[in-house]
Amino acid sequence: MKTGPEWHNGPPMCWVLQEEWRDAMGWNGKPVRAILDEGLEWCCKGVSCLVSRHYHAHLNGLTEWPPEWAFWSHCHAGVAEYRREQRRR
């Protein structure tokens, strides 16, 4: 695994944007079972995607995160990107 914010592996590993998680999981009345099931799926898919990208980068000698690999920026910039996209939807 490559490390550093440009590789979304600080530590900690950036596998989901907290605001996106909160929006999906935090609505009132959502059954606990649904939160657990969906949360497990999100975690596994997000971590698997990030680890696969690191492995691909290793195999292909990539030194920079490819622009075609979608990601949220870190901290406030990522939150702003996410909120802009939500408004567009």
PDB file of N, CA and C in Angstrom:
ATOM      1  N   MET A   1       0.848  -1.184   0.000  1.00  0.00           N
ATOM      2  CA  MET A   1       0.000   0.000   0.000  1.00  0.00           C
ATOM      3  C   MET A   1       0.886   1.237   0.000  1.00  0.00           C
ATOM      4  N   LYS A   2       0.565   2.147  -0.871  1.00  0.00           N
ATOM      5  CA  LYS A   2       1.243   3.441  -0.872  1.00  0.00           C
ATOM      6  C   LYS A   2       0.661   4.262   0.269  1.00  0.00           C
ATOM      7  N   THR A   3       1.448   5.161   0.807  1.00  0.00           N
ATOM      8  CA  THR A   3       0.954   5.990   1.899  1.00  0.00           C
ATOM      9  C   THR A   3       1.001   7.459   1.497  1.00  0.00           C
ATOM     10  N   GLY A   4       0.187   8.232   2.176  1.00  0.00           N
ATOM     11  CA  GLY A   4       0.119   9.660   1.936  1.00  0.00           C
ATOM     12  C   GLY A   4      -1.257  10.068   1.471  1.00  0.00           C
ATOM     13  N   PRO A   5      -1.594  11.323   1.703  1.00  0.00           N
ATOM     14  CA  PRO A   5      -2.942  11.784   1.350  1.00  0.00           C
ATOM     15  C   PRO A   5      -3.255  11.665  -0.130  1.00  0.00           C
ATOM     16  N   GLU A   6      -2.262  11.802  -0.994  1.00  0.00           N
ATOM     17  CA  GLU A   6      -2.531  11.688  -2.432  1.00  0.00           C
ATOM     18  C   GLU A   6      -2.953  10.269  -2.817  1.00  0.00           C
ATOM     19  N   TRP A   7      -2.673   9.286  -1.921  1.00  0.00           N
ATOM     20  CA  TRP A   7      -3.080   7.904  -2.149  1.00  0.00           C
ATOM     21  C   TRP A   7      -4.219   7.492  -1.229  1.00  0.00           C
ATOM     22  N   HIS A   8      -4.789   8.436  -0.513  1.00  0.00           N
ATOM     23  CA  HIS A   8      -5.949   8.194   0.355  1.00  0.00           C
ATOM     24  C   HIS A   8      -5.661   7.111   1.397  1.00  0.00           C
ATOM     25  N   ASN A   9      -4.430   7.143   1.867  1.00  0.00           N
ATOM     26  CA  ASN A   9      -4.002   6.190   2.878  1.00  0.00           C
ATOM     27  C   ASN A   9      -2.975   6.886   3.768  1.00  0.00           C
ATOM     28  N   GLY A  10      -3.490   7.597   4.776  1.00  0.00           N
ATOM     29  CA  GLY A  10      -2.702   8.494   5.593  1.00  0.00           C
ATOM     30  C   GLY A  10      -1.671   7.911   6.510  1.00  0.00           C
ATOM     31  N   PRO A  11      -1.910   7.196   7.551  1.00  0.00           N
ATOM     32  CA  PRO A  11      -3.229   6.783   7.999  1.00  0.00           C
ATOM     33  C   PRO A  11      -4.072   7.958   8.473  1.00  0.00           C
ATOM     34  N   PRO A  12      -5.367   7.793   8.545  1.00  0.00           N
ATOM     35  CA  PRO A  12      -6.132   6.574   8.270  1.00  0.00           C
ATOM     36  C   PRO A  12      -6.412   6.405   6.779  1.00  0.00           C
ATOM     37  N   MET A  13      -6.938   5.239   6.449  1.00  0.00           N
ATOM     38  CA  MET A  13      -7.335   4.951   5.077  1.00  0.00           C
ATOM     39  C   MET A  13      -8.643   5.689   4.794  1.00  0.00           C
ATOM     40  N   CYS A  14      -8.709   6.374   3.668  1.00  0.00           N
ATOM     41  CA  CYS A  14      -9.914   7.113   3.271  1.00  0.00           C
ATOM     42  C   CYS A  14     -10.761   6.223   2.366  1.00  0.00           C
ATOM     43  N   TRP A  15     -11.723   5.552   2.924  1.00  0.00           N
ATOM     44  CA  TRP A  15     -12.549   4.662   2.099  1.00  0.00           C
ATOM     45  C   TRP A  15     -13.946   5.215   1.886  1.00  0.00           C
ATOM     46  N   VAL A  16     -14.329   6.259   2.630  1.00  0.00           N
ATOM     47  CA  VAL A  16     -15.636   6.885   2.427  1.00  0.00           C
ATOM     48  C   VAL A  16     -15.588   8.290   3.015  1.00  0.00           C
ATOM     49  N   LEU A  17     -16.341   9.207   2.433  1.00  0.00           N
ATOM     50  CA  LEU A  17     -16.463  10.558   2.970  1.00  0.00           C
ATOM     51  C   LEU A  17     -17.485  10.532   4.106  1.00  0.00           C
ATOM     52  N   GLN A  18     -17.116  11.040   5.254  1.00  0.00           N
ATOM     53  CA  GLN A  18     -17.997  10.965   6.428  1.00  0.00           C
ATOM     54  C   GLN A  18     -19.376  11.552   6.167  1.00  0.00           C
ATOM     55  N   GLU A  19     -19.455  12.650   5.456  1.00  0.00           N
ATOM     56  CA  GLU A  19     -20.746  13.279   5.189  1.00  0.00           C
ATOM     57  C   GLU A  19     -21.631  12.398   4.313  1.00  0.00           C
ATOM     58  N   GLU A  20     -21.017  11.733   3.343  1.00  0.00           N
ATOM     59  CA  GLU A  20     -21.776  10.832   2.480  1.00  0.00           C
ATOM     60  C   GLU A  20     -22.312   9.657   3.312  1.00  0.00           C
ATOM     61  N   TRP A  21     -21.479   9.142   4.192  1.00  0.00           N
ATOM     62  CA  TRP A  21     -21.889   8.058   5.096  1.00  0.00           C
ATOM     63  C   TRP A  21     -23.045   8.522   5.980  1.00  0.00           C
ATOM     64  N   ARG A  22     -22.908   9.690   6.563  1.00  0.00           N
ATOM     65  CA  ARG A  22     -23.936  10.220   7.462  1.00  0.00           C
ATOM     66  C   ARG A  22     -25.255  10.401   6.723  1.00  0.00           C
ATOM     67  N   ASP A  23     -25.205  10.919   5.501  1.00  0.00           N
ATOM     68  CA  ASP A  23     -26.432  11.114   4.727  1.00  0.00           C
ATOM     69  C   ASP A  23     -27.111   9.778   4.411  1.00  0.00           C
ATOM     70  N   ALA A  24     -26.337   8.766   4.106  1.00  0.00           N
ATOM     71  CA  ALA A  24     -26.903   7.471   3.740  1.00  0.00           C
ATOM     72  C   ALA A  24     -27.388   6.679   4.948  1.00  0.00           C
ATOM     73  N   MET A  25     -26.682   6.811   6.058  1.00  0.00           N
ATOM     74  CA  MET A  25     -26.975   5.955   7.211  1.00  0.00           C
ATOM     75  C   MET A  25     -27.724   6.658   8.339  1.00  0.00           C
ATOM     76  N   GLY A  26     -27.746   7.978   8.326  1.00  0.00           N
ATOM     77  CA  GLY A  26     -28.217   8.686   9.501  1.00  0.00           C
ATOM     78  C   GLY A  26     -29.647   9.163   9.518  1.00  0.00           C
ATOM     79  N   TRP A  27     -30.500   8.713   8.596  1.00  0.00           N
ATOM     80  CA  TRP A  27     -31.868   9.233   8.616  1.00  0.00           C
ATOM     81  C   TRP A  27     -32.692   8.525   9.690  1.00  0.00           C
ATOM     82  N   ASN A  28     -33.550   9.311  10.310  1.00  0.00           N
ATOM     83  CA  ASN A  28     -34.417   8.780  11.386  1.00  0.00           C
ATOM     84  C   ASN A  28     -35.329   7.689  10.853  1.00  0.00           C
ATOM     85  N   GLY A  29     -35.477   6.652  11.645  1.00  0.00           N
ATOM     86  CA  GLY A  29     -36.363   5.561  11.288  1.00  0.00           C
ATOM     87  C   GLY A  29     -35.712   4.461  10.479  1.00  0.00           C
ATOM     88  N   LYS A  30     -34.451   4.638  10.101  1.00  0.00           N
ATOM     89  CA  LYS A  30     -33.787   3.581   9.335  1.00  0.00           C
ATOM     90  C   LYS A  30     -33.545   2.400  10.273  1.00  0.00           C
ATOM     91  N   PRO A  31     -33.981   1.213   9.894  1.00  0.00           N
ATOM     92  CA  PRO A  31     -33.796   0.049  10.766  1.00  0.00           C
ATOM     93  C   PRO A  31     -32.315  -0.240  11.023  1.00  0.00           C
ATOM     94  N   VAL A  32     -32.040  -0.644  12.235  1.00  0.00           N
ATOM     95  CA  VAL A  32     -30.667  -0.954  12.621  1.00  0.00           C
ATOM     96  C   VAL A  32     -30.084  -2.039  11.722  1.00  0.00           C
ATOM     97  N   ARG A  33     -30.886  -3.038  11.393  1.00  0.00           N
ATOM     98  CA  ARG A  33     -30.419  -4.122  10.524  1.00  0.00           C
ATOM     99  C   ARG A  33     -29.974  -3.571   9.175  1.00  0.00           C
ATOM    100  N   ALA A  34     -30.721  -2.615   8.626  1.00  0.00           N
ATOM    101  CA  ALA A  34     -30.359  -2.012   7.339  1.00  0.00           C
ATOM    102  C   ALA A  34     -29.048  -1.243   7.457  1.00  0.00           C
ATOM    103  N   ILE A  35     -28.867  -0.527   8.552  1.00  0.00           N
ATOM    104  CA  ILE A  35     -27.616   0.202   8.766  1.00  0.00           C
ATOM    105  C   ILE A  35     -26.442  -0.771   8.819  1.00  0.00           C
ATOM    106  N   LEU A  36     -26.610  -1.866   9.554  1.00  0.00           N
ATOM    107  CA  LEU A  36     -25.543  -2.857   9.666  1.00  0.00           C
ATOM    108  C   LEU A  36     -25.247  -3.521   8.315  1.00  0.00           C
ATOM    109  N   ASP A  37     -26.297  -3.933   7.614  1.00  0.00           N
ATOM    110  CA  ASP A  37     -26.099  -4.609   6.326  1.00  0.00           C
ATOM    111  C   ASP A  37     -25.483  -3.667   5.286  1.00  0.00           C
ATOM    112  N   GLU A  38     -26.050  -2.476   5.162  1.00  0.00           N
ATOM    113  CA  GLU A  38     -25.538  -1.519   4.183  1.00  0.00           C
ATOM    114  C   GLU A  38     -24.146  -1.032   4.573  1.00  0.00           C
ATOM    115  N   GLY A  39     -23.934  -0.822   5.865  1.00  0.00           N
ATOM    116  CA  GLY A  39     -22.624  -0.379   6.332  1.00  0.00           C
ATOM    117  C   GLY A  39     -21.542  -1.395   6.033  1.00  0.00           C
ATOM    118  N   LEU A  40     -21.844  -2.660   6.232  1.00  0.00           N
ATOM    119  CA  LEU A  40     -20.894  -3.723   5.926  1.00  0.00           C
ATOM    120  C   LEU A  40     -20.576  -3.747   4.435  1.00  0.00           C
ATOM    121  N   GLU A  41     -21.618  -3.626   3.616  1.00  0.00           N
ATOM    122  CA  GLU A  41     -21.413  -3.625   2.166  1.00  0.00           C
ATOM    123  C   GLU A  41     -20.567  -2.430   1.730  1.00  0.00           C
ATOM    124  N   TRP A  42     -20.890  -1.221   2.238  1.00  0.00           N
ATOM    125  CA  TRP A  42     -20.127  -0.015   1.912  1.00  0.00           C
ATOM    126  C   TRP A  42     -18.674  -0.167   2.319  1.00  0.00           C
ATOM    127  N   CYS A  43     -18.448  -0.641   3.538  1.00  0.00           N
ATOM    128  CA  CYS A  43     -17.085  -0.795   4.044  1.00  0.00           C
ATOM    129  C   CYS A  43     -16.293  -1.756   3.164  1.00  0.00           C
ATOM    130  N   CYS A  44     -16.851  -2.909   2.899  1.00  0.00           N
ATOM    131  CA  CYS A  44     -16.145  -3.914   2.097  1.00  0.00           C
ATOM    132  C   CYS A  44     -15.872  -3.419   0.681  1.00  0.00           C
ATOM    133  N   LYS A  45     -16.868  -2.798   0.050  1.00  0.00           N
ATOM    134  CA  LYS A  45     -16.678  -2.293  -1.314  1.00  0.00           C
ATOM    135  C   LYS A  45     -15.663  -1.153  -1.356  1.00  0.00           C
ATOM    136  N   GLY A  46     -15.773  -0.220  -0.403  1.00  0.00           N
ATOM    137  CA  GLY A  46     -14.867   0.928  -0.383  1.00  0.00           C
ATOM    138  C   GLY A  46     -13.425   0.539  -0.135  1.00  0.00           C
ATOM    139  N   VAL A  47     -13.208  -0.314   0.846  1.00  0.00           N
ATOM    140  CA  VAL A  47     -11.855  -0.762   1.159  1.00  0.00           C
ATOM    141  C   VAL A  47     -11.312  -1.610   0.012  1.00  0.00           C
ATOM    142  N   SER A  48     -12.133  -2.499  -0.526  1.00  0.00           N
ATOM    143  CA  SER A  48     -11.702  -3.337  -1.642  1.00  0.00           C
ATOM    144  C   SER A  48     -11.308  -2.495  -2.852  1.00  0.00           C
ATOM    145  N   CYS A  49     -12.090  -1.481  -3.155  1.00  0.00           N
ATOM    146  CA  CYS A  49     -11.790  -0.600  -4.283  1.00  0.00           C
ATOM    147  C   CYS A  49     -10.454   0.103  -4.072  1.00  0.00           C
ATOM    148  N   LEU A  50     -10.258   0.654  -2.890  1.00  0.00           N
ATOM    149  CA  LEU A  50      -9.022   1.390  -2.620  1.00  0.00           C
ATOM    150  C   LEU A  50      -7.813   0.453  -2.649  1.00  0.00           C
ATOM    151  N   VAL A  51      -7.915  -0.707  -2.021  1.00  0.00           N
ATOM    152  CA  VAL A  51      -6.797  -1.659  -2.012  1.00  0.00           C
ATOM    153  C   VAL A  51      -6.506  -2.141  -3.442  1.00  0.00           C
ATOM    154  N   SER A  52      -7.542  -2.381  -4.237  1.00  0.00           N
ATOM    155  CA  SER A  52      -7.348  -2.802  -5.630  1.00  0.00           C
ATOM    156  C   SER A  52      -6.629  -1.731  -6.438  1.00  0.00           C
ATOM    157  N   ARG A  53      -6.964  -0.488  -6.200  1.00  0.00           N
ATOM    158  CA  ARG A  53      -6.291   0.608  -6.906  1.00  0.00           C
ATOM    159  C   ARG A  53      -4.822   0.677  -6.507  1.00  0.00           C
ATOM    160  N   HIS A  54      -4.537   0.483  -5.236  1.00  0.00           N
ATOM    161  CA  HIS A  54      -3.140   0.471  -4.787  1.00  0.00           C
ATOM    162  C   HIS A  54      -2.385  -0.689  -5.433  1.00  0.00           C
ATOM    163  N   TYR A  55      -3.018  -1.842  -5.510  1.00  0.00           N
ATOM    164  CA  TYR A  55      -2.376  -3.008  -6.114  1.00  0.00           C
ATOM    165  C   TYR A  55      -2.121  -2.760  -7.604  1.00  0.00           C
ATOM    166  N   HIS A  56      -3.107  -2.218  -8.294  1.00  0.00           N
ATOM    167  CA  HIS A  56      -2.951  -1.879  -9.712  1.00  0.00           C
ATOM    168  C   HIS A  56      -1.801  -0.889  -9.888  1.00  0.00           C
ATOM    169  N   ALA A  57      -1.750   0.123  -9.028  1.00  0.00           N
ATOM    170  CA  ALA A  57      -0.678   1.127  -9.107  1.00  0.00           C
ATOM    171  C   ALA A  57       0.680   0.468  -8.897  1.00  0.00           C
ATOM    172  N   HIS A  58       0.749  -0.450  -7.941  1.00  0.00           N
ATOM    173  CA  HIS A  58       2.001  -1.163  -7.685  1.00  0.00           C
ATOM    174  C   HIS A  58       2.431  -1.979  -8.903  1.00  0.00           C
ATOM    175  N   LEU A  59       1.504  -2.761  -9.450  1.00  0.00           N
ATOM    176  CA  LEU A  59       1.825  -3.619 -10.593  1.00  0.00           C
ATOM    177  C   LEU A  59       2.252  -2.825 -11.823  1.00  0.00           C
ATOM    178  N   ASN A  60       1.679  -1.626 -11.966  1.00  0.00           N
ATOM    179  CA  ASN A  60       1.938  -0.821 -13.165  1.00  0.00           C
ATOM    180  C   ASN A  60       2.917   0.320 -12.925  1.00  0.00           C
ATOM    181  N   GLY A  61       3.508   0.369 -11.741  1.00  0.00           N
ATOM    182  CA  GLY A  61       4.525   1.373 -11.450  1.00  0.00           C
ATOM    183  C   GLY A  61       3.999   2.806 -11.407  1.00  0.00           C
ATOM    184  N   LEU A  62       2.723   2.970 -11.082  1.00  0.00           N
ATOM    185  CA  LEU A  62       2.164   4.323 -11.018  1.00  0.00           C
ATOM    186  C   LEU A  62       2.712   5.054  -9.795  1.00  0.00           C
ATOM    187  N   THR A  63       3.062   6.306  -9.982  1.00  0.00           N
ATOM    188  CA  THR A  63       3.572   7.112  -8.873  1.00  0.00           C
ATOM    189  C   THR A  63       2.603   8.220  -8.477  1.00  0.00           C
ATOM    190  N   GLU A  64       1.563   8.419  -9.292  1.00  0.00           N
ATOM    191  CA  GLU A  64       0.536   9.427  -9.002  1.00  0.00           C
ATOM    192  C   GLU A  64      -0.832   8.797  -9.162  1.00  0.00           C
ATOM    193  N   TRP A  65      -1.789   9.325  -8.382  1.00  0.00           N
ATOM    194  CA  TRP A  65      -3.174   8.874  -8.461  1.00  0.00           C
ATOM    195  C   TRP A  65      -3.728   9.275  -9.828  1.00  0.00           C
ATOM    196  N   PRO A  66      -4.168   8.317 -10.655  1.00  0.00           N
ATOM    197  CA  PRO A  66      -4.677   8.652 -11.989  1.00  0.00           C
ATOM    198  C   PRO A  66      -5.938   9.529 -11.919  1.00  0.00           C
ATOM    199  N   PRO A  67      -6.038  10.513 -12.778  1.00  0.00           N
ATOM    200  CA  PRO A  67      -7.194  11.419 -12.744  1.00  0.00           C
ATOM    201  C   PRO A  67      -8.518  10.732 -13.045  1.00  0.00           C
ATOM    202  N   GLU A  68      -8.488   9.602 -13.747  1.00  0.00           N
ATOM    203  CA  GLU A  68      -9.745   8.911 -14.064  1.00  0.00           C
ATOM    204  C   GLU A  68     -10.307   8.125 -12.879  1.00  0.00           C
ATOM    205  N   TRP A  69      -9.537   7.993 -11.798  1.00  0.00           N
ATOM    206  CA  TRP A  69     -10.021   7.341 -10.589  1.00  0.00           C
ATOM    207  C   TRP A  69     -10.742   8.373  -9.737  1.00  0.00           C
ATOM    208  N   ALA A  70     -12.039   8.297  -9.707  1.00  0.00           N
ATOM    209  CA  ALA A  70     -12.848   9.267  -8.956  1.00  0.00           C
ATOM    210  C   ALA A  70     -12.512   9.222  -7.468  1.00  0.00           C
ATOM    211  N   PHE A  71     -12.572  10.380  -6.823  1.00  0.00           N
ATOM    212  CA  PHE A  71     -12.343  10.475  -5.385  1.00  0.00           C
ATOM    213  C   PHE A  71     -12.845  11.824  -4.901  1.00  0.00           C
ATOM    214  N   TRP A  72     -13.106  11.909  -3.605  1.00  0.00           N
ATOM    215  CA  TRP A  72     -13.400  13.188  -2.971  1.00  0.00           C
ATOM    216  C   TRP A  72     -12.080  13.748  -2.458  1.00  0.00           C
ATOM    217  N   SER A  73     -11.923  15.033  -2.533  1.00  0.00           N
ATOM    218  CA  SER A  73     -10.758  15.669  -1.915  1.00  0.00           C
ATOM    219  C   SER A  73     -10.836  15.474  -0.411  1.00  0.00           C
ATOM    220  N   HIS A  74      -9.791  15.840   0.278  1.00  0.00           N
ATOM    221  CA  HIS A  74      -9.766  15.681   1.726  1.00  0.00           C
ATOM    222  C   HIS A  74     -10.320  16.907   2.435  1.00  0.00           C
ATOM    223  N   CYS A  75     -10.777  16.678   3.646  1.00  0.00           N
ATOM    224  CA  CYS A  75     -11.229  17.726   4.580  1.00  0.00           C
ATOM    225  C   CYS A  75     -12.340  18.569   3.971  1.00  0.00           C
ATOM    226  N   HIS A  76     -12.272  19.867   4.181  1.00  0.00           N
ATOM    227  CA  HIS A  76     -13.358  20.768   3.769  1.00  0.00           C
ATOM    228  C   HIS A  76     -13.581  20.778   2.255  1.00  0.00           C
ATOM    229  N   ALA A  77     -12.512  20.632   1.490  1.00  0.00           N
ATOM    230  CA  ALA A  77     -12.660  20.631   0.029  1.00  0.00           C
ATOM    231  C   ALA A  77     -13.513  19.446  -0.428  1.00  0.00           C
ATOM    232  N   GLY A  78     -13.307  18.278   0.162  1.00  0.00           N
ATOM    233  CA  GLY A  78     -14.104  17.099  -0.192  1.00  0.00           C
ATOM    234  C   GLY A  78     -15.557  17.255   0.186  1.00  0.00           C
ATOM    235  N   VAL A  79     -15.794  17.836   1.354  1.00  0.00           N
ATOM    236  CA  VAL A  79     -17.174  18.069   1.796  1.00  0.00           C
ATOM    237  C   VAL A  79     -17.862  19.031   0.830  1.00  0.00           C
ATOM    238  N   ALA A  80     -17.163  20.093   0.423  1.00  0.00           N
ATOM    239  CA  ALA A  80     -17.735  21.066  -0.517  1.00  0.00           C
ATOM    240  C   ALA A  80     -18.050  20.394  -1.857  1.00  0.00           C
ATOM    241  N   GLU A  81     -17.153  19.540  -2.359  1.00  0.00           N
ATOM    242  CA  GLU A  81     -17.401  18.825  -3.613  1.00  0.00           C
ATOM    243  C   GLU A  81     -18.643  17.940  -3.492  1.00  0.00           C
ATOM    244  N   TYR A  82     -18.725  17.229  -2.400  1.00  0.00           N
ATOM    245  CA  TYR A  82     -19.863  16.342  -2.171  1.00  0.00           C
ATOM    246  C   TYR A  82     -21.166  17.131  -2.123  1.00  0.00           C
ATOM    247  N   ARG A  83     -21.189  18.222  -1.379  1.00  0.00           N
ATOM    248  CA  ARG A  83     -22.402  19.038  -1.264  1.00  0.00           C
ATOM    249  C   ARG A  83     -22.804  19.629  -2.613  1.00  0.00           C
ATOM    250  N   ARG A  84     -21.829  20.082  -3.413  1.00  0.00           N
ATOM    251  CA  ARG A  84     -22.146  20.611  -4.756  1.00  0.00           C
ATOM    252  C   ARG A  84     -22.795  19.525  -5.611  1.00  0.00           C
ATOM    253  N   GLU A  85     -22.237  18.326  -5.558  1.00  0.00           N
ATOM    254  CA  GLU A  85     -22.820  17.234  -6.340  1.00  0.00           C
ATOM    255  C   GLU A  85     -24.227  16.900  -5.874  1.00  0.00           C
ATOM    256  N   GLN A  86     -24.455  16.922  -4.571  1.00  0.00           N
ATOM    257  CA  GLN A  86     -25.788  16.650  -4.030  1.00  0.00           C
ATOM    258  C   GLN A  86     -26.786  17.694  -4.523  1.00  0.00           C
ATOM    259  N   ARG A  87     -26.395  18.940  -4.568  1.00  0.00           N
ATOM    260  CA  ARG A  87     -27.292  20.004  -5.055  1.00  0.00           C
ATOM    261  C   ARG A  87     -27.611  19.822  -6.528  1.00  0.00           C
ATOM    262  N   ARG A  88     -26.636  19.355  -7.319  1.00  0.00           N
ATOM    263  CA  ARG A  88     -26.863  19.131  -8.761  1.00  0.00           C
ATOM    264  C   ARG A  88     -27.854  18.013  -9.006  1.00  0.00           C
ATOM    265  N   ARG A  89     -27.888  17.040  -8.105  1.00  0.00           N
ATOM    266  CA  ARG A  89     -28.788  15.893  -8.263  1.00  0.00           C
ATOM    267  C   ARG A  89     -30.188  16.361  -7.967  1.00  0.00           C
TER     268      ARG A  89
END
